[in-house]
């Protein structure tokens, strides 16, 4: 099968426009500090990979042959599944590391509060001893 017949031109244009809009949206989120650059890298890289598959549909045929999948559409669905799985895993890793950091900061904050309270009590006792 020739690459041009693998994806109709309209579908290629629609997919390419959709993926470019997604990349622009991610870049806008980064610019407005709503998404960190580190967290966005997996989205950007996987979206650019998907964009390459849309621009060069023969790469799907090559991938299907490499994976020994008979129909290229099945390879596309497998890629889409891996795309979502990869991004879901990266988000889960980011959330886990964020939760660990929040727990550590909470513990340090509690220890500092206890230390401040202890210092206030010792200063209060010292002042009372000086006053009497």
Foldseek 3Di string as FASTA:
>chain_A
DDQCVLDPPVRLVVLLVVLVVVLVVLVVCCVVVVDPPVLCVLVNVLSVVVNVCSVGVVVLVVVCVVVVNDRSVVSVVVSVVVSVVVNVVSVVVVVVVVVVVVVVVVVVVVVVVVVVVVVVVVVVVVVVVVVD
